[in-house]
Amino acid sequence: MDKMFMRTALHEAAKGVGLTSPNPPVGCVISKDGIILGKGYHRKAGKPHAEREALAAVRNQFGDQAARLLRGATLYVTLEPCSTSGRTPPCTDGIIEAGIKRVVYAATDPNPHHQGEAARLLHSNGIEVETGVLENDALEQLRPFNKWVTTGIPWVIAKAAISLDGRITRPKGESQWLTGEKARADAQKLRLRSDAIIVGAGTVRADNPLLNLRGPGKKTGKDQPWRVVLTRSGQLPQDAHLFTDEHRNRTLVFKRRSLQHVLKALGKKGVTTVMIEGGSSILTQAFSQNLVDEVCFYIAPFVSGSGIPVIDSAGFTGGSKSIHDLQMRKVGHDVRISGLMPRN
């Protein structure tokens, strides 16, 4: 029964992925006598946390009967409830005040200053606490937040569309697109997860990208990710979309800064997930310096024969690198290969 309700809480948490930074995506379910009374998820930083969303859902649905139903109920949440005040009051206070009898959470707070504090507070108020239910599933959702909160550096996704011979561009005079519409639409889901998108100056000059959110999967309330340009010379086309469109205030330019420096700077801005979209120089730097956490490559079924390689062999250092948790699936006429990079 605990696993069943926690799976529902994880489903709720998934609704907030990409929306909550710098907070984590968290889901919550409240049940009693095997029946779900209410559920909720954290929607955005500054808005109620998942536990308070679920408590509010019960009160909205049951009105005057809610207080009676909440007393003795069990609360399932994907992350240890917060026990300190921030933009919102502590969730542990709300749980105690509601008369919840039992709290089950999947993962503990990664912040060492808060870790285990919720269990202590709840126990001291006579509330039974159980942890670790579907912990691995919860940790998968929480990877970006956990990395950011413990290191100050965002989770890094390396995304590229490549030909069979590893090129990210077609021969001169051909279309700029390597992959088909379905693969490009699928890649939009990565942008929905991301708080920032990084490209190099060459990509801005050659492609004049929008780097915006689009397509049917766009989430209401999702902020336009920061559009980050790395440049050595600082000579960028000032009429490019990134500097002239409605999101121009979400464009950041870093001149002669290492990728490591840029990631740290973005982390200080509350960015927990970054996607690198190109080009070859930045991807080479990212892989060489072991800065990549997750890989997502779309492979088009053709040989380019020329064009820019996804990794510049002259600048690549550190030896071969394998991914784990490998996933492969066909997307239209293309193949998506994704997985995680090993951590040192």
C-alpha atoms as a PDB file:
ATOM      1  CA  MET A   1       0.000   0.000   0.000  1.00  0.00           C
ATOM      2  CA  ASP A   2       2.826   2.427   0.849  1.00  0.00           C
ATOM      3  CA  LYS A   3       4.457   1.874  -2.540  1.00  0.00           C
ATOM      4  CA  MET A   4       1.186   2.374  -4.369  1.00  0.00           C
ATOM      5  CA  PHE A   5       0.537   5.743  -2.739  1.00  0.00           C
ATOM      6  CA  MET A   6       4.178   6.796  -3.142  1.00  0.00           C
ATOM      7  CA  ARG A   7       3.980   6.044  -6.870  1.00  0.00           C
ATOM      8  CA  THR A   8       1.047   8.419  -7.043  1.00  0.00           C
ATOM      9  CA  ALA A   9       3.106  11.020  -5.177  1.00  0.00           C
ATOM     10  CA  LEU A  10       5.961  10.534  -7.662  1.00  0.00           C
ATOM     11  CA  HIS A  11       3.489  11.035 -10.512  1.00  0.00           C
ATOM     12  CA  GLU A  12       2.440  14.297  -8.883  1.00  0.00           C
ATOM     13  CA  ALA A  13       6.072  15.371  -8.483  1.00  0.00           C
ATOM     14  CA  ALA A  14       6.717  14.775 -12.184  1.00  0.00           C
ATOM     15  CA  LYS A  15       4.239  17.545 -12.998  1.00  0.00           C
ATOM     16  CA  GLY A  16       6.626  20.054 -11.434  1.00  0.00           C
ATOM     17  CA  VAL A  17       9.843  18.964 -13.156  1.00  0.00           C
ATOM     18  CA  GLY A  18      11.397  22.008 -14.808  1.00  0.00           C
ATOM     19  CA  LEU A  19       9.074  24.464 -13.063  1.00  0.00           C
ATOM     20  CA  THR A  20      10.299  24.719  -9.483  1.00  0.00           C
ATOM     21  CA  SER A  21      13.948  25.817  -9.532  1.00  0.00           C
ATOM     22  CA  PRO A  22      15.741  26.527  -7.341  1.00  0.00           C
ATOM     23  CA  ASN A  23      13.400  24.271  -5.361  1.00  0.00           C
ATOM     24  CA  PRO A  24      13.030  20.541  -6.065  1.00  0.00           C
ATOM     25  CA  PRO A  25      10.000  18.947  -7.757  1.00  0.00           C
ATOM     26  CA  VAL A  26       8.025  17.247  -4.978  1.00  0.00           C
ATOM     27  CA  GLY A  27       4.701  15.388  -4.904  1.00  0.00           C
ATOM     28  CA  CYS A  28       2.428  14.493  -1.996  1.00  0.00           C
ATOM     29  CA  VAL A  29      -0.572  12.238  -1.318  1.00  0.00           C
ATOM     30  CA  ILE A  30      -2.744  12.071   1.808  1.00  0.00           C
ATOM     31  CA  SER A  31      -4.668   8.874   2.457  1.00  0.00           C
ATOM     32  CA  LYS A  32      -6.832   7.297   5.116  1.00  0.00           C
ATOM     33  CA  ASP A  33      -8.272   3.795   5.311  1.00  0.00           C
ATOM     34  CA  GLY A  34      -6.786   3.012   1.890  1.00  0.00           C
ATOM     35  CA  ILE A  35      -8.476   5.966   0.178  1.00  0.00           C
ATOM     36  CA  ILE A  36      -6.752   9.053  -1.254  1.00  0.00           C
ATOM     37  CA  LEU A  37      -8.151  12.181   0.367  1.00  0.00           C
ATOM     38  CA  GLY A  38      -6.019  14.676  -1.532  1.00  0.00           C
ATOM     39  CA  LYS A  39      -2.833  15.139  -3.505  1.00  0.00           C
ATOM     40  CA  GLY A  40      -0.662  17.956  -4.782  1.00  0.00           C
ATOM     41  CA  TYR A  41       2.720  19.016  -6.078  1.00  0.00           C
ATOM     42  CA  HIS A  42       5.058  21.985  -5.760  1.00  0.00           C
ATOM     43  CA  ARG A  43       4.282  24.221  -8.727  1.00  0.00           C
ATOM     44  CA  LYS A  44       6.836  27.027  -8.515  1.00  0.00           C
ATOM     45  CA  ALA A  45       9.339  28.552  -6.109  1.00  0.00           C
ATOM     46  CA  GLY A  46       7.492  30.843  -3.720  1.00  0.00           C
ATOM     47  CA  LYS A  47       4.255  28.914  -4.027  1.00  0.00           C
ATOM     48  CA  PRO A  48       3.039  26.312  -1.477  1.00  0.00           C
ATOM     49  CA  HIS A  49       5.046  23.139  -1.170  1.00  0.00           C
ATOM     50  CA  ALA A  50       3.553  19.787  -2.117  1.00  0.00           C
ATOM     51  CA  GLU A  51       2.467  18.937   1.441  1.00  0.00           C
ATOM     52  CA  ARG A  52       0.508  22.162   1.832  1.00  0.00           C
ATOM     53  CA  GLU A  53      -0.989  21.737  -1.642  1.00  0.00           C
ATOM     54  CA  ALA A  54      -2.251  18.294  -0.638  1.00  0.00           C
ATOM     55  CA  LEU A  55      -3.607  19.541   2.689  1.00  0.00           C
ATOM     56  CA  ALA A  56      -5.392  22.374   0.861  1.00  0.00           C
ATOM     57  CA  ALA A  57      -6.836  19.885  -1.628  1.00  0.00           C
ATOM     58  CA  VAL A  58      -8.392  17.899   1.229  1.00  0.00           C
ATOM     59  CA  ARG A  59      -9.845  21.032   2.818  1.00  0.00           C
ATOM     60  CA  ASN A  60     -11.217  22.268  -0.499  1.00  0.00           C
ATOM     61  CA  GLN A  61     -12.885  18.957  -1.267  1.00  0.00           C
ATOM     62  CA  PHE A  62     -14.279  18.069   2.141  1.00  0.00           C
ATOM     63  CA  GLY A  63     -14.873  21.451   3.733  1.00  0.00           C
ATOM     64  CA  ASP A  64     -16.056  21.142   7.340  1.00  0.00           C
ATOM     65  CA  GLN A  65     -15.293  17.413   7.346  1.00  0.00           C
ATOM     66  CA  ALA A  66     -11.636  17.913   6.390  1.00  0.00           C
ATOM     67  CA  ALA A  67     -10.285  18.424   9.919  1.00  0.00           C
ATOM     68  CA  ARG A  68     -11.819  15.141  11.091  1.00  0.00           C
ATOM     69  CA  LEU A  69     -10.550  13.242   8.053  1.00  0.00           C
ATOM     70  CA  LEU A  70      -7.026  14.610   8.312  1.00  0.00           C
ATOM     71  CA  ARG A  71      -6.657  13.534  11.950  1.00  0.00           C
ATOM     72  CA  GLY A  72      -5.072  10.104  11.872  1.00  0.00           C
ATOM     73  CA  ALA A  73      -4.337  10.177   8.121  1.00  0.00           C
ATOM     74  CA  THR A  74      -1.057   9.198   6.425  1.00  0.00           C
ATOM     75  CA  LEU A  75       0.903  11.662   4.344  1.00  0.00           C
ATOM     76  CA  TYR A  76       3.185  10.414   1.554  1.00  0.00           C
ATOM     77  CA  VAL A  77       5.766  12.801   0.119  1.00  0.00           C
ATOM     78  CA  THR A  78       8.669  12.238  -2.261  1.00  0.00           C
ATOM     79  CA  LEU A  79      11.164  14.346  -0.274  1.00  0.00           C
ATOM     80  CA  GLU A  80      11.658  14.892   3.442  1.00  0.00           C
ATOM     81  CA  PRO A  81       9.309  17.737   4.495  1.00  0.00           C
ATOM     82  CA  CYS A  82      10.960  21.107   5.018  1.00  0.00           C
ATOM     83  CA  SER A  83      11.393  22.115   8.645  1.00  0.00           C
ATOM     84  CA  THR A  84      12.613  25.703   8.218  1.00  0.00           C
ATOM     85  CA  SER A  85      10.991  28.932   7.065  1.00  0.00           C
ATOM     86  CA  GLY A  86      11.811  30.337   3.647  1.00  0.00           C
ATOM     87  CA  ARG A  87       9.435  31.922   1.179  1.00  0.00           C
ATOM     88  CA  THR A  88       6.835  29.607   2.661  1.00  0.00           C
ATOM     89  CA  PRO A  89       6.325  28.335   6.239  1.00  0.00           C
ATOM     90  CA  PRO A  90       7.702  24.921   7.306  1.00  0.00           C
ATOM     91  CA  CYS A  91       5.695  21.975   6.026  1.00  0.00           C
ATOM     92  CA  THR A  92       6.333  20.143   9.285  1.00  0.00           C
ATOM     93  CA  ASP A  93       4.216  22.787  11.059  1.00  0.00           C
ATOM     94  CA  GLY A  94       1.326  22.205   8.677  1.00  0.00           C
ATOM     95  CA  ILE A  95       1.566  18.441   9.104  1.00  0.00           C
ATOM     96  CA  ILE A  96       1.569  18.687  12.893  1.00  0.00           C
ATOM     97  CA  GLU A  97      -1.299  21.187  12.971  1.00  0.00           C
ATOM     98  CA  ALA A  98      -3.422  18.978  10.687  1.00  0.00           C
ATOM     99  CA  GLY A  99      -3.172  16.008  13.050  1.00  0.00           C
ATOM    100  CA  ILE A 100      -1.478  13.689  10.548  1.00  0.00           C
ATOM    101  CA  LYS A 101      -0.659  10.414  12.280  1.00  0.00           C
ATOM    102  CA  ARG A 102       1.970   8.978   9.948  1.00  0.00           C
ATOM    103  CA  VAL A 103       4.409  10.468   7.437  1.00  0.00           C
ATOM    104  CA  VAL A 104       6.156   8.418   4.755  1.00  0.00           C
ATOM    105  CA  TYR A 105       8.812  10.079   2.633  1.00  0.00           C
ATOM    106  CA  ALA A 106      10.965   8.607  -0.111  1.00  0.00           C
ATOM    107  CA  ALA A 107      14.215  10.586   0.021  1.00  0.00           C
ATOM    108  CA  THR A 108      15.930  12.552   2.763  1.00  0.00           C
ATOM    109  CA  ASP A 109      16.833  16.210   2.339  1.00  0.00           C
ATOM    110  CA  PRO A 110      20.277  16.390   0.672  1.00  0.00           C
ATOM    111  CA  ASN A 111      21.106  19.587   2.573  1.00  0.00           C
ATOM    112  CA  PRO A 112      23.217  18.400   5.542  1.00  0.00           C
ATOM    113  CA  HIS A 113      21.900  21.301   7.653  1.00  0.00           C
ATOM    114  CA  HIS A 114      18.306  20.063   7.295  1.00  0.00           C
ATOM    115  CA  GLN A 115      18.763  16.319   6.797  1.00  0.00           C
ATOM    116  CA  GLY A 116      16.796  14.289   9.323  1.00  0.00           C
ATOM    117  CA  GLU A 117      15.391  17.361  11.064  1.00  0.00           C
ATOM    118  CA  ALA A 118      11.847  16.660   9.858  1.00  0.00           C
ATOM    119  CA  ALA A 119      11.887  13.157  11.319  1.00  0.00           C
ATOM    120  CA  ARG A 120      13.074  14.523  14.670  1.00  0.00           C
ATOM    121  CA  LEU A 121      10.358  17.175  14.793  1.00  0.00           C
ATOM    122  CA  LEU A 122       7.593  14.834  13.708  1.00  0.00           C
ATOM    123  CA  HIS A 123       8.662  12.107  16.129  1.00  0.00           C
ATOM    124  CA  SER A 124       8.721  14.603  18.984  1.00  0.00           C
ATOM    125  CA  ASN A 125       5.099  15.412  18.187  1.00  0.00           C
ATOM    126  CA  GLY A 126       3.996  11.770  18.259  1.00  0.00           C
ATOM    127  CA  ILE A 127       3.939  11.266  14.484  1.00  0.00           C
ATOM    128  CA  GLU A 128       5.167   7.973  13.063  1.00  0.00           C
ATOM    129  CA  VAL A 129       7.794   8.412  10.341  1.00  0.00           C
ATOM    130  CA  GLU A 130       8.950   5.959   7.681  1.00  0.00           C
ATOM    131  CA  THR A 131      11.590   6.725   5.064  1.00  0.00           C
ATOM    132  CA  GLY A 132      13.094   5.166   1.951  1.00  0.00           C
ATOM    133  CA  VAL A 133       9.893   4.016   0.224  1.00  0.00           C
ATOM    134  CA  LEU A 134      10.687   4.068  -3.531  1.00  0.00           C
ATOM    135  CA  GLU A 135      13.762   6.089  -2.666  1.00  0.00           C
ATOM    136  CA  ASN A 136      15.617   5.342  -5.913  1.00  0.00           C
ATOM    137  CA  ASP A 137      12.678   6.544  -8.009  1.00  0.00           C
ATOM    138  CA  ALA A 138      12.529   9.760  -6.017  1.00  0.00           C
ATOM    139  CA  LEU A 139      16.290  10.301  -6.249  1.00  0.00           C
ATOM    140  CA  GLU A 140      16.062   9.996 -10.030  1.00  0.00           C
ATOM    141  CA  GLN A 141      13.635  12.930 -10.095  1.00  0.00           C
ATOM    142  CA  LEU A 142      15.762  14.857  -7.621  1.00  0.00           C
ATOM    143  CA  ARG A 143      19.180  14.414  -9.271  1.00  0.00           C
ATOM    144  CA  PRO A 144      19.484  17.999 -10.548  1.00  0.00           C
ATOM    145  CA  PHE A 145      18.391  19.561  -7.252  1.00  0.00           C
ATOM    146  CA  ASN A 146      20.577  17.247  -5.189  1.00  0.00           C
ATOM    147  CA  LYS A 147      23.656  18.069  -7.262  1.00  0.00           C
ATOM    148  CA  TRP A 148      22.984  21.807  -7.154  1.00  0.00           C
ATOM    149  CA  VAL A 149      22.247  21.981  -3.426  1.00  0.00           C
ATOM    150  CA  THR A 150      25.392  20.026  -2.502  1.00  0.00           C
ATOM    151  CA  THR A 151      27.854  21.500  -5.054  1.00  0.00           C
ATOM    152  CA  GLY A 152      26.358  24.799  -6.232  1.00  0.00           C
ATOM    153  CA  ILE A 153      26.729  23.573  -9.824  1.00  0.00           C
ATOM    154  CA  PRO A 154      23.729  22.737 -12.049  1.00  0.00           C
ATOM    155  CA  TRP A 155      22.942  19.356 -13.551  1.00  0.00           C
ATOM    156  CA  VAL A 156      24.339  19.388 -17.109  1.00  0.00           C
ATOM    157  CA  ILE A 157      22.602  17.775 -20.079  1.00  0.00           C
ATOM    158  CA  ALA A 158      24.602  17.497 -23.309  1.00  0.00           C
ATOM    159  CA  LYS A 159      22.248  17.430 -26.285  1.00  0.00           C
ATOM    160  CA  ALA A 160      23.187  17.114 -29.928  1.00  0.00           C
ATOM    161  CA  ALA A 161      21.751  16.076 -33.276  1.00  0.00           C
ATOM    162  CA  ILE A 162      24.349  14.200 -35.298  1.00  0.00           C
ATOM    163  CA  SER A 163      24.779  12.261 -38.510  1.00  0.00           C
ATOM    164  CA  LEU A 164      25.931   8.645 -38.583  1.00  0.00           C
ATOM    165  CA  ASP A 165      29.497   9.848 -38.990  1.00  0.00           C
ATOM    166  CA  GLY A 166      29.263  12.149 -35.955  1.00  0.00           C
ATOM    167  CA  ARG A 167      28.749  15.517 -37.652  1.00  0.00           C
ATOM    168  CA  ILE A 168      26.546  18.275 -36.255  1.00  0.00           C
ATOM    169  CA  THR A 169      26.293  20.123 -39.575  1.00  0.00           C
ATOM    170  CA  ARG A 170      25.442  19.125 -43.127  1.00  0.00           C
ATOM    171  CA  PRO A 171      27.626  19.930 -46.141  1.00  0.00           C
ATOM    172  CA  LYS A 172      27.516  23.550 -47.263  1.00  0.00           C
ATOM    173  CA  GLY A 173      24.370  24.435 -49.194  1.00  0.00           C
ATOM    174  CA  GLU A 174      22.163  21.788 -47.536  1.00  0.00           C
ATOM    175  CA  SER A 175      19.454  22.245 -44.878  1.00  0.00           C
ATOM    176  CA  GLN A 176      20.546  23.278 -41.385  1.00  0.00           C
ATOM    177  CA  TRP A 177      18.464  20.435 -39.915  1.00  0.00           C
ATOM    178  CA  LEU A 178      19.981  17.019 -39.371  1.00  0.00           C
ATOM    179  CA  THR A 179      17.047  15.324 -37.648  1.00  0.00           C
ATOM    180  CA  GLY A 180      13.344  15.233 -38.497  1.00  0.00           C
ATOM    181  CA  GLU A 181      10.433  17.112 -36.978  1.00  0.00           C
ATOM    182  CA  LYS A 182       9.589  14.389 -34.450  1.00  0.00           C
ATOM    183  CA  ALA A 183      13.114  14.348 -33.044  1.00  0.00           C
ATOM    184  CA  ARG A 184      13.179  18.146 -32.843  1.00  0.00           C
ATOM    185  CA  ALA A 185       9.842  18.110 -31.038  1.00  0.00           C
ATOM    186  CA  ASP A 186      11.141  15.472 -28.633  1.00  0.00           C
ATOM    187  CA  ALA A 187      14.169  17.655 -27.868  1.00  0.00           C
ATOM    188  CA  GLN A 188      11.801  20.382 -26.711  1.00  0.00           C
ATOM    189  CA  LYS A 189      11.062  18.205 -23.670  1.00  0.00           C
ATOM    190  CA  LEU A 190      14.695  18.713 -22.600  1.00  0.00           C
ATOM    191  CA  ARG A 191      14.210  22.467 -22.763  1.00  0.00           C
ATOM    192  CA  LEU A 192      11.169  22.115 -20.528  1.00  0.00           C
ATOM    193  CA  ARG A 193      13.410  20.484 -17.919  1.00  0.00           C
ATOM    194  CA  SER A 194      16.104  23.135 -18.226  1.00  0.00           C
ATOM    195  CA  ASP A 195      16.615  26.494 -16.526  1.00  0.00           C
ATOM    196  CA  ALA A 196      19.333  27.551 -18.971  1.00  0.00           C
ATOM    197  CA  ILE A 197      20.486  26.635 -22.485  1.00  0.00           C
ATOM    198  CA  ILE A 198      24.136  27.120 -23.437  1.00  0.00           C
ATOM    199  CA  VAL A 199      25.465  27.669 -26.953  1.00  0.00           C
ATOM    200  CA  GLY A 200      28.644  29.027 -28.449  1.00  0.00           C
ATOM    201  CA  ALA A 201      29.094  32.153 -30.515  1.00  0.00           C
ATOM    202  CA  GLY A 202      29.519  30.061 -33.667  1.00  0.00           C
ATOM    203  CA  THR A 203      26.031  28.621 -33.233  1.00  0.00           C
ATOM    204  CA  VAL A 204      24.571  32.121 -32.868  1.00  0.00           C
ATOM    205  CA  ARG A 205      26.334  33.328 -36.010  1.00  0.00           C
ATOM    206  CA  ALA A 206      25.544  30.278 -38.143  1.00  0.00           C
ATOM    207  CA  ASP A 207      22.007  29.370 -37.039  1.00  0.00           C
ATOM    208  CA  ASN A 208      20.553  32.484 -35.359  1.00  0.00           C
ATOM    209  CA  PRO A 209      18.662  30.200 -32.932  1.00  0.00           C
ATOM    210  CA  LEU A 210      15.634  31.189 -30.870  1.00  0.00           C
ATOM    211  CA  LEU A 211      16.355  28.779 -27.992  1.00  0.00           C
ATOM    212  CA  ASN A 212      12.793  29.299 -26.799  1.00  0.00           C
ATOM    213  CA  LEU A 213      10.040  27.020 -25.555  1.00  0.00           C
ATOM    214  CA  ARG A 214       7.618  25.876 -28.208  1.00  0.00           C
ATOM    215  CA  GLY A 215       5.479  22.963 -29.304  1.00  0.00           C
ATOM    216  CA  PRO A 216       2.418  21.296 -27.780  1.00  0.00           C
ATOM    217  CA  GLY A 217       4.311  20.167 -24.691  1.00  0.00           C
ATOM    218  CA  LYS A 218       5.000  23.690 -23.438  1.00  0.00           C
ATOM    219  CA  LYS A 219       4.096  23.945 -19.758  1.00  0.00           C
ATOM    220  CA  THR A 220       2.011  26.805 -18.474  1.00  0.00           C
ATOM    221  CA  GLY A 221       4.019  28.854 -16.030  1.00  0.00           C
ATOM    222  CA  LYS A 222       7.420  27.694 -17.258  1.00  0.00           C
ATOM    223  CA  ASP A 223       9.864  30.598 -17.351  1.00  0.00           C
ATOM    224  CA  GLN A 224      11.846  31.041 -20.537  1.00  0.00           C
ATOM    225  CA  PRO A 225      15.197  29.361 -19.785  1.00  0.00           C
ATOM    226  CA  TRP A 226      18.230  31.625 -19.667  1.00  0.00           C
ATOM    227  CA  ARG A 227      19.856  31.690 -23.110  1.00  0.00           C
ATOM    228  CA  VAL A 228      23.583  31.637 -22.458  1.00  0.00           C
ATOM    229  CA  VAL A 229      26.178  32.476 -25.105  1.00  0.00           C
ATOM    230  CA  LEU A 230      29.879  31.750 -24.645  1.00  0.00           C
ATOM    231  CA  THR A 231      32.193  33.843 -26.805  1.00  0.00           C
ATOM    232  CA  ARG A 232      35.918  34.496 -27.012  1.00  0.00           C
ATOM    233  CA  SER A 233      35.866  37.683 -29.080  1.00  0.00           C
ATOM    234  CA  GLY A 234      32.564  39.162 -27.944  1.00  0.00           C
ATOM    235  CA  GLN A 235      31.758  39.859 -31.592  1.00  0.00           C
ATOM    236  CA  LEU A 236      28.158  38.708 -31.899  1.00  0.00           C
ATOM    237  CA  PRO A 237      25.455  39.767 -34.379  1.00  0.00           C
ATOM    238  CA  GLN A 238      23.393  42.317 -32.457  1.00  0.00           C
ATOM    239  CA  ASP A 239      20.380  41.677 -34.704  1.00  0.00           C
ATOM    240  CA  ALA A 240      20.280  38.002 -33.667  1.00  0.00           C
ATOM    241  CA  HIS A 241      17.025  36.702 -32.185  1.00  0.00           C
ATOM    242  CA  LEU A 242      18.678  36.253 -28.792  1.00  0.00           C
ATOM    243  CA  PHE A 243      19.265  40.022 -28.542  1.00  0.00           C
ATOM    244  CA  THR A 244      16.098  41.349 -30.199  1.00  0.00           C
ATOM    245  CA  ASP A 245      13.110  39.111 -29.478  1.00  0.00           C
ATOM    246  CA  GLU A 246      10.630  39.218 -26.582  1.00  0.00           C
ATOM    247  CA  HIS A 247      12.971  37.143 -24.394  1.00  0.00           C
ATOM    248  CA  ARG A 248      16.089  39.298 -24.940  1.00  0.00           C
ATOM    249  CA  ASN A 249      16.242  40.010 -21.191  1.00  0.00           C
ATOM    250  CA  ARG A 250      16.763  36.255 -20.670  1.00  0.00           C
ATOM    251  CA  THR A 251      19.989  36.238 -22.705  1.00  0.00           C
ATOM    252  CA  LEU A 252      23.362  36.187 -20.941  1.00  0.00           C
ATOM    253  CA  VAL A 253      26.736  36.573 -22.653  1.00  0.00           C
ATOM    254  CA  PHE A 254      29.968  35.324 -21.072  1.00  0.00           C
ATOM    255  CA  LYS A 255      33.161  36.545 -22.727  1.00  0.00           C
ATOM    256  CA  ARG A 256      36.375  34.587 -22.314  1.00  0.00           C
ATOM    257  CA  ARG A 257      35.001  32.557 -19.408  1.00  0.00           C
ATOM    258  CA  SER A 258      35.514  28.850 -18.894  1.00  0.00           C
ATOM    259  CA  LEU A 259      32.518  26.557 -18.902  1.00  0.00           C
ATOM    260  CA  GLN A 260      33.240  25.737 -15.253  1.00  0.00           C
ATOM    261  CA  HIS A 261      33.015  29.445 -14.383  1.00  0.00           C
ATOM    262  CA  VAL A 262      29.757  29.805 -16.313  1.00  0.00           C
ATOM    263  CA  LEU A 263      28.162  26.838 -14.567  1.00  0.00           C
ATOM    264  CA  LYS A 264      29.095  28.209 -11.156  1.00  0.00           C
ATOM    265  CA  ALA A 265      27.678  31.615 -12.077  1.00  0.00           C
ATOM    266  CA  LEU A 266      24.418  30.041 -13.242  1.00  0.00           C
ATOM    267  CA  GLY A 267      24.235  27.995 -10.059  1.00  0.00           C
ATOM    268  CA  LYS A 268      24.373  31.218  -8.045  1.00  0.00           C
ATOM    269  CA  LYS A 269      21.346  32.429 -10.020  1.00  0.00           C
ATOM    270  CA  GLY A 270      19.329  29.415  -8.857  1.00  0.00           C
ATOM    271  CA  VAL A 271      19.755  27.439 -12.072  1.00  0.00           C
ATOM    272  CA  THR A 272      19.617  23.727 -11.238  1.00  0.00           C
ATOM    273  CA  THR A 273      19.528  22.216 -14.742  1.00  0.00           C
ATOM    274  CA  VAL A 274      21.487  23.348 -17.796  1.00  0.00           C
ATOM    275  CA  MET A 275      21.338  22.025 -21.339  1.00  0.00           C
ATOM    276  CA  ILE A 276      24.303  22.432 -23.668  1.00  0.00           C
ATOM    277  CA  GLU A 277      23.032  22.606 -27.247  1.00  0.00           C
ATOM    278  CA  GLY A 278      26.319  23.347 -28.977  1.00  0.00           C
ATOM    279  CA  GLY A 279      28.523  23.689 -30.641  1.00  0.00           C
ATOM    280  CA  SER A 280      31.463  21.379 -30.969  1.00  0.00           C
ATOM    281  CA  SER A 281      33.902  23.492 -28.934  1.00  0.00           C
ATOM    282  CA  ILE A 282      31.632  23.692 -25.881  1.00  0.00           C
ATOM    283  CA  LEU A 283      30.653  20.021 -26.047  1.00  0.00           C
ATOM    284  CA  THR A 284      34.322  19.053 -26.325  1.00  0.00           C
ATOM    285  CA  GLN A 285      35.163  21.161 -23.302  1.00  0.00           C
ATOM    286  CA  ALA A 286      32.228  19.769 -21.317  1.00  0.00           C
ATOM    287  CA  PHE A 287      33.111  16.134 -21.926  1.00  0.00           C
ATOM    288  CA  SER A 288      36.856  16.659 -21.531  1.00  0.00           C
ATOM    289  CA  GLN A 289      36.379  18.290 -18.135  1.00  0.00           C
ATOM    290  CA  ASN A 290      33.823  15.743 -16.898  1.00  0.00           C
ATOM    291  CA  LEU A 291      31.144  18.429 -16.559  1.00  0.00           C
ATOM    292  CA  VAL A 292      28.372  16.426 -18.244  1.00  0.00           C
ATOM    293  CA  ASP A 293      25.851  14.522 -16.130  1.00  0.00           C
ATOM    294  CA  GLU A 294      23.400  13.376 -18.785  1.00  0.00           C
ATOM    295  CA  VAL A 295      23.694  12.755 -22.523  1.00  0.00           C
ATOM    296  CA  CYS A 296      20.941  12.915 -25.137  1.00  0.00           C
ATOM    297  CA  PHE A 297      22.029  12.483 -28.756  1.00  0.00           C
ATOM    298  CA  TYR A 298      19.683  12.218 -31.725  1.00  0.00           C
ATOM    299  CA  ILE A 299      21.257  10.256 -34.565  1.00  0.00           C
ATOM    300  CA  ALA A 300      20.039  10.923 -38.100  1.00  0.00           C
ATOM    301  CA  PRO A 301      20.204   8.059 -40.634  1.00  0.00           C
ATOM    302  CA  PHE A 302      22.618   9.600 -43.108  1.00  0.00           C
ATOM    303  CA  VAL A 303      26.328  10.147 -43.611  1.00  0.00           C
ATOM    304  CA  SER A 304      27.309  13.798 -43.838  1.00  0.00           C
ATOM    305  CA  GLY A 305      30.785  13.240 -45.231  1.00  0.00           C
ATOM    306  CA  SER A 306      31.841  16.693 -44.132  1.00  0.00           C
ATOM    307  CA  GLY A 307      30.818  19.335 -41.658  1.00  0.00           C
ATOM    308  CA  ILE A 308      31.691  19.990 -38.026  1.00  0.00           C
ATOM    309  CA  PRO A 309      32.262  16.965 -35.743  1.00  0.00           C
ATOM    310  CA  VAL A 310      30.273  16.781 -32.515  1.00  0.00           C
ATOM    311  CA  ILE A 311      33.561  16.392 -30.607  1.00  0.00           C
ATOM    312  CA  ASP A 312      36.744  18.074 -31.753  1.00  0.00           C
ATOM    313  CA  SER A 313      39.362  15.342 -31.488  1.00  0.00           C
ATOM    314  CA  ALA A 314      42.170  17.911 -31.394  1.00  0.00           C
ATOM    315  CA  GLY A 315      40.748  19.474 -28.247  1.00  0.00           C
ATOM    316  CA  PHE A 316      39.420  16.373 -26.528  1.00  0.00           C
ATOM    317  CA  THR A 317      41.282  15.050 -23.499  1.00  0.00           C
ATOM    318  CA  GLY A 318      40.711  12.457 -20.823  1.00  0.00           C
ATOM    319  CA  GLY A 319      40.168   9.233 -22.736  1.00  0.00           C
ATOM    320  CA  SER A 320      36.970   7.442 -23.713  1.00  0.00           C
ATOM    321  CA  LYS A 321      33.866   7.899 -21.600  1.00  0.00           C
ATOM    322  CA  SER A 322      30.995   5.434 -21.209  1.00  0.00           C
ATOM    323  CA  ILE A 323      27.416   6.181 -20.238  1.00  0.00           C
ATOM    324  CA  HIS A 324      25.195   4.072 -18.032  1.00  0.00           C
ATOM    325  CA  ASP A 325      21.431   3.747 -17.627  1.00  0.00           C
ATOM    326  CA  LEU A 326      21.475   3.581 -21.407  1.00  0.00           C
ATOM    327  CA  GLN A 327      18.190   4.117 -23.246  1.00  0.00           C
ATOM    328  CA  MET A 328      17.608   3.877 -26.984  1.00  0.00           C
ATOM    329  CA  ARG A 329      14.423   4.505 -28.920  1.00  0.00           C
ATOM    330  CA  LYS A 330      13.359   5.477 -32.384  1.00  0.00           C
ATOM    331  CA  VAL A 331      11.903   8.971 -32.787  1.00  0.00           C
ATOM    332  CA  GLY A 332      10.467   9.352 -36.265  1.00  0.00           C
ATOM    333  CA  HIS A 333      13.264   8.426 -38.679  1.00  0.00           C
ATOM    334  CA  ASP A 334      15.955   9.148 -36.095  1.00  0.00           C
ATOM    335  CA  VAL A 335      17.320   7.303 -33.051  1.00  0.00           C
ATOM    336  CA  ARG A 336      17.618   8.862 -29.612  1.00  0.00           C
ATOM    337  CA  ILE A 337      20.406   7.581 -27.355  1.00  0.00           C
ATOM    338  CA  SER A 338      20.469   8.852 -23.781  1.00  0.00           C
ATOM    339  CA  GLY A 339      22.100   7.977 -20.488  1.00  0.00           C
ATOM    340  CA  LEU A 340      24.114   9.207 -17.545  1.00  0.00           C
ATOM    341  CA  MET A 341      27.807   9.957 -17.312  1.00  0.00           C
ATOM    342  CA  PRO A 342      29.767   8.271 -14.505  1.00  0.00           C
ATOM    343  CA  ARG A 343      30.748  10.513 -11.633  1.00  0.00           C
ATOM    344  CA  ASN A 344      34.356  10.512 -10.466  1.00  0.00           C
END
